[in-house]
Amino acid sequence: MSRIDLIVNGKNQQVESDPATPLLYVLREELGLRAARFGCGQGTCGACTVIVDGKAVQSCDVMLANVAGSKIETAESLDGKPPHPLVAAFLDHQAGQCGYCLSGILMTAKALLGEHPDADRSQIAKALDDNLCRCGSHARILDAIEAARQTKAVGAG
């Protein structure tokens, strides 16, 4: 067990865990942040996507030791009143159905727009390649991200 410092959703956090523990488990089990979901456990479905130092990463595939001292954002960071522009756009466009994949998709979109605020539809679609959605709302997801992009206030910060 090691003591590891993180900055999660803007708050300094200190966790005591095995450095080889996947970040996803630390977020969910030690910090109580449940938005990132366990999907495949192999970093290929995107349900567990969070932002680490401005980049979208699959948290099931990142060991805690590799993010020590990092700034981590989970979908909980999008909660607020008024809703974050991405959340508002997803609601307006009815972009989610079951919702299992949405936190990962939202974080992927936030990271993309933080790095490329003028990303076009094809860039958005490419960025979402690693986020699987079985409900078939892909067109509405793309529409929502394009609409949110117009606000210029959606990127990683």
N, C-alpha and C. Protein backbone atom coordinates (compact mmCIF):
# COMPACT_ATOMS: atom_id res chain seq x y z
N MET A 1 0.84 -1.19 0.00
CA MET A 1 0.00 0.00 0.00
C MET A 1 0.87 1.24 0.00
N SER A 2 0.45 2.21 -0.78
CA SER A 2 1.16 3.49 -0.86
C SER A 2 0.16 4.62 -0.72
N ARG A 3 0.63 5.73 -0.24
CA ARG A 3 -0.19 6.94 -0.16
C ARG A 3 0.08 7.74 -1.44
N ILE A 4 -0.98 8.03 -2.17
CA ILE A 4 -0.84 8.71 -3.46
C ILE A 4 -1.75 9.93 -3.47
N ASP A 5 -1.19 11.06 -3.90
CA ASP A 5 -1.93 12.31 -3.99
C ASP A 5 -2.48 12.47 -5.40
N LEU A 6 -3.73 12.92 -5.47
CA LEU A 6 -4.42 13.19 -6.73
C LEU A 6 -5.19 14.49 -6.57
N ILE A 7 -5.52 15.10 -7.69
CA ILE A 7 -6.46 16.22 -7.70
C ILE A 7 -7.65 15.74 -8.50
N VAL A 8 -8.76 15.50 -7.82
CA VAL A 8 -9.93 14.93 -8.46
C VAL A 8 -11.07 15.95 -8.43
N ASN A 9 -11.51 16.33 -9.61
CA ASN A 9 -12.58 17.32 -9.75
C ASN A 9 -12.28 18.58 -8.95
N GLY A 10 -11.00 18.98 -9.00
CA GLY A 10 -10.57 20.21 -8.36
C GLY A 10 -10.25 20.11 -6.88
N LYS A 11 -10.39 18.93 -6.30
CA LYS A 11 -10.13 18.75 -4.87
C LYS A 11 -8.90 17.88 -4.67
N ASN A 12 -8.04 18.29 -3.75
CA ASN A 12 -6.89 17.46 -3.40
C ASN A 12 -7.40 16.21 -2.68
N GLN A 13 -6.94 15.07 -3.15
CA GLN A 13 -7.32 13.79 -2.56
C GLN A 13 -6.06 13.00 -2.25
N GLN A 14 -6.10 12.27 -1.18
CA GLN A 14 -5.00 11.38 -0.83
C GLN A 14 -5.61 10.00 -0.63
N VAL A 15 -5.10 9.03 -1.38
CA VAL A 15 -5.61 7.67 -1.26
C VAL A 15 -4.47 6.75 -0.84
N GLU A 16 -4.84 5.74 -0.11
CA GLU A 16 -3.86 4.73 0.28
C GLU A 16 -4.29 3.43 -0.38
N SER A 17 -3.49 3.02 -1.35
CA SER A 17 -3.87 1.87 -2.15
C SER A 17 -2.64 1.27 -2.80
N ASP A 18 -2.81 0.09 -3.33
CA ASP A 18 -1.76 -0.56 -4.11
C ASP A 18 -1.53 0.29 -5.36
N PRO A 19 -0.32 0.69 -5.67
CA PRO A 19 -0.05 1.51 -6.85
C PRO A 19 -0.48 0.86 -8.17
N ALA A 20 -0.65 -0.46 -8.18
CA ALA A 20 -1.07 -1.16 -9.39
C ALA A 20 -2.59 -1.23 -9.52
N THR A 21 -3.33 -0.65 -8.59
CA THR A 21 -4.79 -0.64 -8.66
C THR A 21 -5.24 0.23 -9.83
N PRO A 22 -6.19 -0.26 -10.64
CA PRO A 22 -6.71 0.59 -11.71
C PRO A 22 -7.37 1.85 -11.14
N LEU A 23 -7.14 2.97 -11.81
CA LEU A 23 -7.73 4.24 -11.38
C LEU A 23 -9.24 4.12 -11.22
N LEU A 24 -9.90 3.41 -12.10
CA LEU A 24 -11.35 3.25 -12.02
C LEU A 24 -11.78 2.75 -10.64
N TYR A 25 -11.09 1.74 -10.13
CA TYR A 25 -11.45 1.18 -8.83
C TYR A 25 -11.26 2.19 -7.71
N VAL A 26 -10.20 2.97 -7.80
CA VAL A 26 -9.94 3.98 -6.77
C VAL A 26 -11.05 5.04 -6.81
N LEU A 27 -11.40 5.50 -8.02
CA LEU A 27 -12.45 6.52 -8.14
C LEU A 27 -13.76 6.01 -7.57
N ARG A 28 -14.14 4.80 -7.94
CA ARG A 28 -15.44 4.27 -7.54
C ARG A 28 -15.47 3.80 -6.08
N GLU A 29 -14.48 3.02 -5.70
CA GLU A 29 -14.54 2.36 -4.40
C GLU A 29 -13.94 3.18 -3.26
N GLU A 30 -12.90 3.94 -3.52
CA GLU A 30 -12.26 4.70 -2.44
C GLU A 30 -12.77 6.13 -2.36
N LEU A 31 -13.12 6.71 -3.52
CA LEU A 31 -13.57 8.11 -3.51
C LEU A 31 -15.08 8.25 -3.70
N GLY A 32 -15.77 7.15 -3.97
CA GLY A 32 -17.23 7.18 -4.10
C GLY A 32 -17.74 7.89 -5.33
N LEU A 33 -16.91 8.02 -6.35
CA LEU A 33 -17.32 8.67 -7.60
C LEU A 33 -17.75 7.57 -8.57
N ARG A 34 -19.03 7.46 -8.82
CA ARG A 34 -19.57 6.32 -9.55
C ARG A 34 -19.91 6.59 -11.01
N ALA A 35 -19.65 7.78 -11.53
CA ALA A 35 -20.01 8.08 -12.92
C ALA A 35 -19.21 7.24 -13.90
N ALA A 36 -17.91 7.10 -13.70
CA ALA A 36 -17.10 6.25 -14.58
C ALA A 36 -17.54 4.81 -14.32
N ARG A 37 -17.86 4.10 -15.38
CA ARG A 37 -18.43 2.76 -15.24
C ARG A 37 -17.44 1.68 -15.65
N PHE A 38 -17.57 0.51 -15.05
CA PHE A 38 -16.82 -0.65 -15.50
C PHE A 38 -17.58 -1.23 -16.67
N GLY A 39 -16.89 -1.34 -17.79
CA GLY A 39 -17.50 -1.95 -18.97
C GLY A 39 -16.76 -3.23 -19.33
N CYS A 40 -15.66 -3.07 -20.02
CA CYS A 40 -14.91 -4.23 -20.50
C CYS A 40 -13.73 -4.58 -19.61
N GLY A 41 -13.19 -3.62 -18.88
CA GLY A 41 -12.02 -3.86 -18.05
C GLY A 41 -10.72 -3.97 -18.83
N GLN A 42 -10.78 -3.65 -20.13
CA GLN A 42 -9.60 -3.76 -20.98
C GLN A 42 -9.28 -2.47 -21.74
N GLY A 43 -9.97 -1.38 -21.40
CA GLY A 43 -9.71 -0.10 -22.04
C GLY A 43 -10.19 -0.01 -23.47
N THR A 44 -11.23 -0.78 -23.82
CA THR A 44 -11.69 -0.76 -25.21
C THR A 44 -13.12 -0.29 -25.41
N CYS A 45 -13.89 -0.08 -24.33
CA CYS A 45 -15.29 0.30 -24.52
C CYS A 45 -15.58 1.76 -24.18
N GLY A 46 -14.73 2.39 -23.38
CA GLY A 46 -14.88 3.80 -23.07
C GLY A 46 -15.83 4.14 -21.94
N ALA A 47 -16.50 3.17 -21.35
CA ALA A 47 -17.46 3.47 -20.28
C ALA A 47 -16.78 4.09 -19.06
N CYS A 48 -15.51 3.85 -18.91
CA CYS A 48 -14.76 4.33 -17.73
C CYS A 48 -13.93 5.58 -18.03
N THR A 49 -14.16 6.22 -19.17
CA THR A 49 -13.32 7.35 -19.57
C THR A 49 -13.42 8.51 -18.59
N VAL A 50 -12.25 9.02 -18.21
CA VAL A 50 -12.11 10.23 -17.40
C VAL A 50 -11.06 11.09 -18.09
N ILE A 51 -10.89 12.30 -17.60
CA ILE A 51 -9.85 13.18 -18.14
C ILE A 51 -8.72 13.24 -17.13
N VAL A 52 -7.51 12.95 -17.61
CA VAL A 52 -6.31 13.03 -16.79
C VAL A 52 -5.38 14.05 -17.44
N ASP A 53 -5.13 15.14 -16.73
CA ASP A 53 -4.27 16.20 -17.24
C ASP A 53 -4.66 16.63 -18.65
N GLY A 54 -5.97 16.78 -18.85
CA GLY A 54 -6.49 17.28 -20.12
C GLY A 54 -6.73 16.25 -21.21
N LYS A 55 -6.37 15.00 -20.98
CA LYS A 55 -6.51 13.95 -22.00
C LYS A 55 -7.53 12.91 -21.54
N ALA A 56 -8.37 12.46 -22.46
CA ALA A 56 -9.31 11.39 -22.17
C ALA A 56 -8.56 10.07 -22.06
N VAL A 57 -8.78 9.36 -20.96
CA VAL A 57 -8.14 8.05 -20.76
C VAL A 57 -9.18 7.07 -20.21
N GLN A 58 -8.97 5.81 -20.51
CA GLN A 58 -9.83 4.76 -19.96
C GLN A 58 -9.28 4.39 -18.59
N SER A 59 -10.02 4.72 -17.55
CA SER A 59 -9.52 4.58 -16.19
C SER A 59 -9.38 3.14 -15.73
N CYS A 60 -9.98 2.19 -16.44
CA CYS A 60 -9.81 0.79 -16.05
C CYS A 60 -8.43 0.27 -16.46
N ASP A 61 -7.80 1.00 -17.36
CA ASP A 61 -6.54 0.56 -17.96
C ASP A 61 -5.35 1.40 -17.51
N VAL A 62 -5.55 2.28 -16.52
CA VAL A 62 -4.50 3.15 -16.02
C VAL A 62 -4.26 2.82 -14.55
N MET A 63 -3.03 2.51 -14.23
CA MET A 63 -2.70 2.18 -12.85
C MET A 63 -2.55 3.45 -12.02
N LEU A 64 -2.95 3.37 -10.78
CA LEU A 64 -2.92 4.50 -9.86
C LEU A 64 -1.55 5.17 -9.83
N ALA A 65 -0.49 4.39 -9.79
CA ALA A 65 0.87 4.95 -9.73
C ALA A 65 1.16 5.87 -10.91
N ASN A 66 0.53 5.61 -12.06
CA ASN A 66 0.79 6.41 -13.26
C ASN A 66 0.07 7.75 -13.26
N VAL A 67 -0.81 7.98 -12.31
CA VAL A 67 -1.53 9.26 -12.26
C VAL A 67 -1.27 10.03 -10.97
N ALA A 68 -0.29 9.60 -10.20
CA ALA A 68 0.04 10.31 -8.96
C ALA A 68 0.31 11.78 -9.27
N GLY A 69 -0.34 12.66 -8.52
CA GLY A 69 -0.17 14.10 -8.70
C GLY A 69 -0.95 14.68 -9.86
N SER A 70 -1.67 13.86 -10.58
CA SER A 70 -2.39 14.33 -11.77
C SER A 70 -3.71 15.01 -11.43
N LYS A 71 -4.15 15.81 -12.38
CA LYS A 71 -5.46 16.45 -12.30
C LYS A 71 -6.44 15.54 -13.04
N ILE A 72 -7.42 15.01 -12.31
CA ILE A 72 -8.37 14.05 -12.86
C ILE A 72 -9.76 14.66 -12.80
N GLU A 73 -10.48 14.53 -13.91
CA GLU A 73 -11.87 15.00 -13.95
C GLU A 73 -12.77 13.82 -14.29
N THR A 74 -13.83 13.68 -13.52
CA THR A 74 -14.84 12.66 -13.80
C THR A 74 -16.13 13.37 -14.23
N ALA A 75 -17.09 12.60 -14.67
CA ALA A 75 -18.36 13.20 -15.11
C ALA A 75 -19.06 13.94 -13.98
N GLU A 76 -18.74 13.62 -12.73
CA GLU A 76 -19.33 14.36 -11.61
C GLU A 76 -18.95 15.84 -11.69
N SER A 77 -17.82 16.15 -12.34
CA SER A 77 -17.40 17.55 -12.46
C SER A 77 -18.34 18.35 -13.36
N LEU A 78 -19.17 17.68 -14.13
CA LEU A 78 -20.10 18.36 -15.03
C LEU A 78 -21.42 18.71 -14.34
N ASP A 79 -21.60 18.24 -13.12
CA ASP A 79 -22.83 18.48 -12.37
C ASP A 79 -22.88 19.92 -11.90
N GLY A 80 -23.99 20.54 -12.06
CA GLY A 80 -24.12 21.91 -11.58
C GLY A 80 -25.38 22.57 -12.07
N LYS A 81 -25.61 23.75 -11.57
CA LYS A 81 -26.75 24.56 -11.99
C LYS A 81 -26.21 25.90 -12.40
N PRO A 82 -26.38 26.35 -13.61
CA PRO A 82 -27.02 25.61 -14.69
C PRO A 82 -26.19 24.42 -15.11
N PRO A 83 -26.79 23.47 -15.85
CA PRO A 83 -26.02 22.31 -16.27
C PRO A 83 -24.86 22.70 -17.19
N HIS A 84 -23.80 21.92 -17.13
CA HIS A 84 -22.68 22.10 -18.05
C HIS A 84 -23.23 22.08 -19.48
N PRO A 85 -22.66 22.87 -20.41
CA PRO A 85 -23.17 22.91 -21.78
C PRO A 85 -23.26 21.53 -22.45
N LEU A 86 -22.34 20.63 -22.17
CA LEU A 86 -22.44 19.29 -22.76
C LEU A 86 -23.66 18.55 -22.21
N VAL A 87 -23.87 18.63 -20.91
CA VAL A 87 -25.03 17.96 -20.30
C VAL A 87 -26.31 18.55 -20.86
N ALA A 88 -26.40 19.86 -20.93
CA ALA A 88 -27.59 20.52 -21.46
C ALA A 88 -27.86 20.10 -22.90
N ALA A 89 -26.82 20.04 -23.71
CA ALA A 89 -26.99 19.64 -25.11
C ALA A 89 -27.42 18.18 -25.22
N PHE A 90 -26.87 17.32 -24.39
CA PHE A 90 -27.27 15.91 -24.42
C PHE A 90 -28.74 15.76 -24.04
N LEU A 91 -29.19 16.55 -23.07
CA LEU A 91 -30.60 16.51 -22.69
C LEU A 91 -31.47 17.07 -23.81
N ASP A 92 -31.08 18.21 -24.37
CA ASP A 92 -31.85 18.84 -25.44
C ASP A 92 -31.99 17.94 -26.67
N HIS A 93 -30.94 17.19 -26.97
CA HIS A 93 -30.94 16.34 -28.17
C HIS A 93 -31.34 14.90 -27.87
N GLN A 94 -31.74 14.64 -26.64
CA GLN A 94 -32.10 13.27 -26.22
C GLN A 94 -31.04 12.28 -26.69
N ALA A 95 -29.79 12.62 -26.36
CA ALA A 95 -28.65 11.86 -26.86
C ALA A 95 -28.36 10.59 -26.07
N GLY A 96 -29.03 10.38 -24.98
CA GLY A 96 -28.79 9.17 -24.21
C GLY A 96 -30.03 8.33 -24.11
N GLN A 97 -29.82 7.05 -24.04
CA GLN A 97 -30.94 6.15 -23.81
C GLN A 97 -30.72 5.45 -22.48
N CYS A 98 -29.94 4.39 -22.44
CA CYS A 98 -29.74 3.71 -21.16
C CYS A 98 -28.80 4.50 -20.26
N GLY A 99 -27.87 5.24 -20.82
CA GLY A 99 -26.98 6.09 -20.06
C GLY A 99 -25.69 5.46 -19.59
N TYR A 100 -25.52 4.16 -19.79
CA TYR A 100 -24.33 3.50 -19.25
C TYR A 100 -23.04 4.08 -19.82
N CYS A 101 -23.04 4.40 -21.09
CA CYS A 101 -21.84 4.89 -21.77
C CYS A 101 -21.66 6.40 -21.66
N LEU A 102 -22.70 7.11 -21.25
CA LEU A 102 -22.70 8.57 -21.39
C LEU A 102 -21.61 9.29 -20.61
N SER A 103 -21.28 8.85 -19.42
CA SER A 103 -20.25 9.58 -18.68
C SER A 103 -18.92 9.52 -19.43
N GLY A 104 -18.61 8.37 -20.00
CA GLY A 104 -17.38 8.25 -20.78
C GLY A 104 -17.41 9.09 -22.04
N ILE A 105 -18.55 9.11 -22.70
CA ILE A 105 -18.70 9.92 -23.92
C ILE A 105 -18.59 11.40 -23.58
N LEU A 106 -19.24 11.82 -22.51
CA LEU A 106 -19.17 13.22 -22.10
C LEU A 106 -17.74 13.65 -21.81
N MET A 107 -16.99 12.81 -21.13
CA MET A 107 -15.62 13.17 -20.78
C MET A 107 -14.71 13.15 -22.01
N THR A 108 -14.96 12.23 -22.93
CA THR A 108 -14.20 12.22 -24.18
C THR A 108 -14.48 13.51 -24.95
N ALA A 109 -15.74 13.90 -25.02
CA ALA A 109 -16.12 15.12 -25.74
C ALA A 109 -15.51 16.35 -25.07
N LYS A 110 -15.53 16.39 -23.74
CA LYS A 110 -14.97 17.54 -23.02
C LYS A 110 -13.47 17.66 -23.29
N ALA A 111 -12.77 16.54 -23.24
CA ALA A 111 -11.33 16.56 -23.52
C ALA A 111 -11.05 16.99 -24.95
N LEU A 112 -11.80 16.46 -25.90
CA LEU A 112 -11.61 16.82 -27.31
C LEU A 112 -11.81 18.32 -27.50
N LEU A 113 -12.90 18.85 -26.98
CA LEU A 113 -13.20 20.26 -27.19
C LEU A 113 -12.27 21.17 -26.39
N GLY A 114 -11.67 20.64 -25.35
CA GLY A 114 -10.65 21.40 -24.63
C GLY A 114 -9.40 21.57 -25.47
N GLU A 115 -9.08 20.54 -26.23
CA GLU A 115 -7.88 20.57 -27.07
C GLU A 115 -8.16 21.15 -28.46
N HIS A 116 -9.37 20.89 -28.98
CA HIS A 116 -9.75 21.33 -30.33
C HIS A 116 -11.15 21.95 -30.27
N PRO A 117 -11.26 23.19 -29.81
CA PRO A 117 -12.58 23.79 -29.62
C PRO A 117 -13.41 23.92 -30.88
N ASP A 118 -12.78 23.86 -32.04
CA ASP A 118 -13.52 23.97 -33.30
C ASP A 118 -13.62 22.64 -34.03
N ALA A 119 -13.52 21.54 -33.29
CA ALA A 119 -13.59 20.21 -33.92
C ALA A 119 -14.86 20.08 -34.74
N ASP A 120 -14.71 19.52 -35.94
CA ASP A 120 -15.89 19.30 -36.78
C ASP A 120 -16.47 17.92 -36.49
N ARG A 121 -17.58 17.62 -37.14
CA ARG A 121 -18.30 16.37 -36.87
C ARG A 121 -17.43 15.14 -37.08
N SER A 122 -16.61 15.14 -38.12
CA SER A 122 -15.77 13.97 -38.37
C SER A 122 -14.70 13.82 -37.27
N GLN A 123 -14.17 14.93 -36.77
CA GLN A 123 -13.20 14.86 -35.67
C GLN A 123 -13.87 14.37 -34.39
N ILE A 124 -15.10 14.81 -34.18
CA ILE A 124 -15.84 14.36 -33.00
C ILE A 124 -16.09 12.86 -33.09
N ALA A 125 -16.54 12.41 -34.25
CA ALA A 125 -16.80 10.98 -34.45
C ALA A 125 -15.53 10.16 -34.24
N LYS A 126 -14.42 10.63 -34.77
CA LYS A 126 -13.16 9.91 -34.61
C LYS A 126 -12.75 9.85 -33.14
N ALA A 127 -12.92 10.96 -32.42
CA ALA A 127 -12.57 10.97 -30.99
C ALA A 127 -13.41 9.97 -30.20
N LEU A 128 -14.63 9.71 -30.66
CA LEU A 128 -15.53 8.79 -29.97
C LEU A 128 -15.36 7.34 -30.40
N ASP A 129 -14.38 7.06 -31.25
CA ASP A 129 -14.16 5.68 -31.73
C ASP A 129 -14.02 4.68 -30.59
N ASP A 130 -13.42 5.08 -29.49
CA ASP A 130 -13.19 4.15 -28.39
C ASP A 130 -14.33 4.14 -27.36
N ASN A 131 -15.42 4.82 -27.67
CA ASN A 131 -16.59 4.84 -26.78
C ASN A 131 -17.73 4.09 -27.45
N LEU A 132 -18.06 2.94 -26.90
CA LEU A 132 -19.12 2.12 -27.46
C LEU A 132 -20.46 2.48 -26.85
N CYS A 133 -21.48 2.57 -27.70
CA CYS A 133 -22.85 2.79 -27.27
C CYS A 133 -23.70 1.76 -28.00
N ARG A 134 -24.43 0.96 -27.25
CA ARG A 134 -25.24 -0.09 -27.85
C ARG A 134 -26.66 0.36 -28.15
N CYS A 135 -27.04 1.54 -27.69
CA CYS A 135 -28.42 1.98 -27.84
C CYS A 135 -28.71 2.56 -29.22
N GLY A 136 -27.69 2.90 -29.97
CA GLY A 136 -27.91 3.42 -31.31
C GLY A 136 -28.25 4.89 -31.37
N SER A 137 -27.81 5.67 -30.40
CA SER A 137 -28.11 7.11 -30.41
C SER A 137 -26.91 7.91 -30.91
N HIS A 138 -26.08 7.29 -31.74
CA HIS A 138 -24.85 7.93 -32.21
C HIS A 138 -25.09 9.26 -32.90
N ALA A 139 -26.07 9.35 -33.78
CA ALA A 139 -26.33 10.60 -34.50
C ALA A 139 -26.71 11.70 -33.52
N ARG A 140 -27.55 11.38 -32.53
CA ARG A 140 -27.95 12.39 -31.54
C ARG A 140 -26.78 12.78 -30.65
N ILE A 141 -25.89 11.84 -30.36
CA ILE A 141 -24.69 12.15 -29.57
C ILE A 141 -23.83 13.15 -30.33
N LEU A 142 -23.60 12.90 -31.60
CA LEU A 142 -22.80 13.82 -32.42
C LEU A 142 -23.48 15.18 -32.51
N ASP A 143 -24.81 15.18 -32.71
CA ASP A 143 -25.56 16.44 -32.78
C ASP A 143 -25.40 17.23 -31.48
N ALA A 144 -25.48 16.54 -30.35
CA ALA A 144 -25.38 17.21 -29.05
C ALA A 144 -23.99 17.82 -28.85
N ILE A 145 -22.96 17.07 -29.21
CA ILE A 145 -21.60 17.59 -29.03
C ILE A 145 -21.37 18.79 -29.95
N GLU A 146 -21.88 18.71 -31.17
CA GLU A 146 -21.75 19.87 -32.08
C GLU A 146 -22.47 21.08 -31.51
N ALA A 147 -23.64 20.89 -30.95
CA ALA A 147 -24.40 22.00 -30.37
C ALA A 147 -23.66 22.58 -29.16
N ALA A 148 -23.13 21.72 -28.31
CA ALA A 148 -22.40 22.18 -27.13
C ALA A 148 -21.14 22.94 -27.55
N ARG A 149 -20.52 22.48 -28.60
CA ARG A 149 -19.29 23.12 -29.09
C ARG A 149 -19.54 24.60 -29.40
N GLN A 150 -20.71 24.92 -29.83
CA GLN A 150 -21.04 26.30 -30.19
C GLN A 150 -20.94 27.25 -29.00
N THR A 151 -21.05 26.73 -27.78
CA THR A 151 -20.99 27.60 -26.61
C THR A 151 -19.59 28.06 -26.28
N LYS A 152 -18.57 27.35 -26.80
CA LYS A 152 -17.15 27.67 -26.55
C LYS A 152 -16.80 27.59 -25.07
N ALA A 153 -17.63 26.95 -24.27
CA ALA A 153 -17.36 26.85 -22.83
C ALA A 153 -17.38 25.41 -22.36
N VAL A 154 -17.01 24.47 -23.24
CA VAL A 154 -17.20 23.08 -22.89
C VAL A 154 -15.91 22.29 -22.66
N GLY A 155 -14.77 22.80 -23.03
CA GLY A 155 -13.53 22.03 -23.00
C GLY A 155 -12.99 21.77 -21.61
N ALA A 156 -11.98 20.92 -21.58
CA ALA A 156 -11.30 20.61 -20.31
C ALA A 156 -10.63 21.88 -19.80
N GLY A 157 -10.70 22.05 -18.50
CA GLY A 157 -10.13 23.28 -17.97
C GLY A 157 -9.31 23.15 -16.78
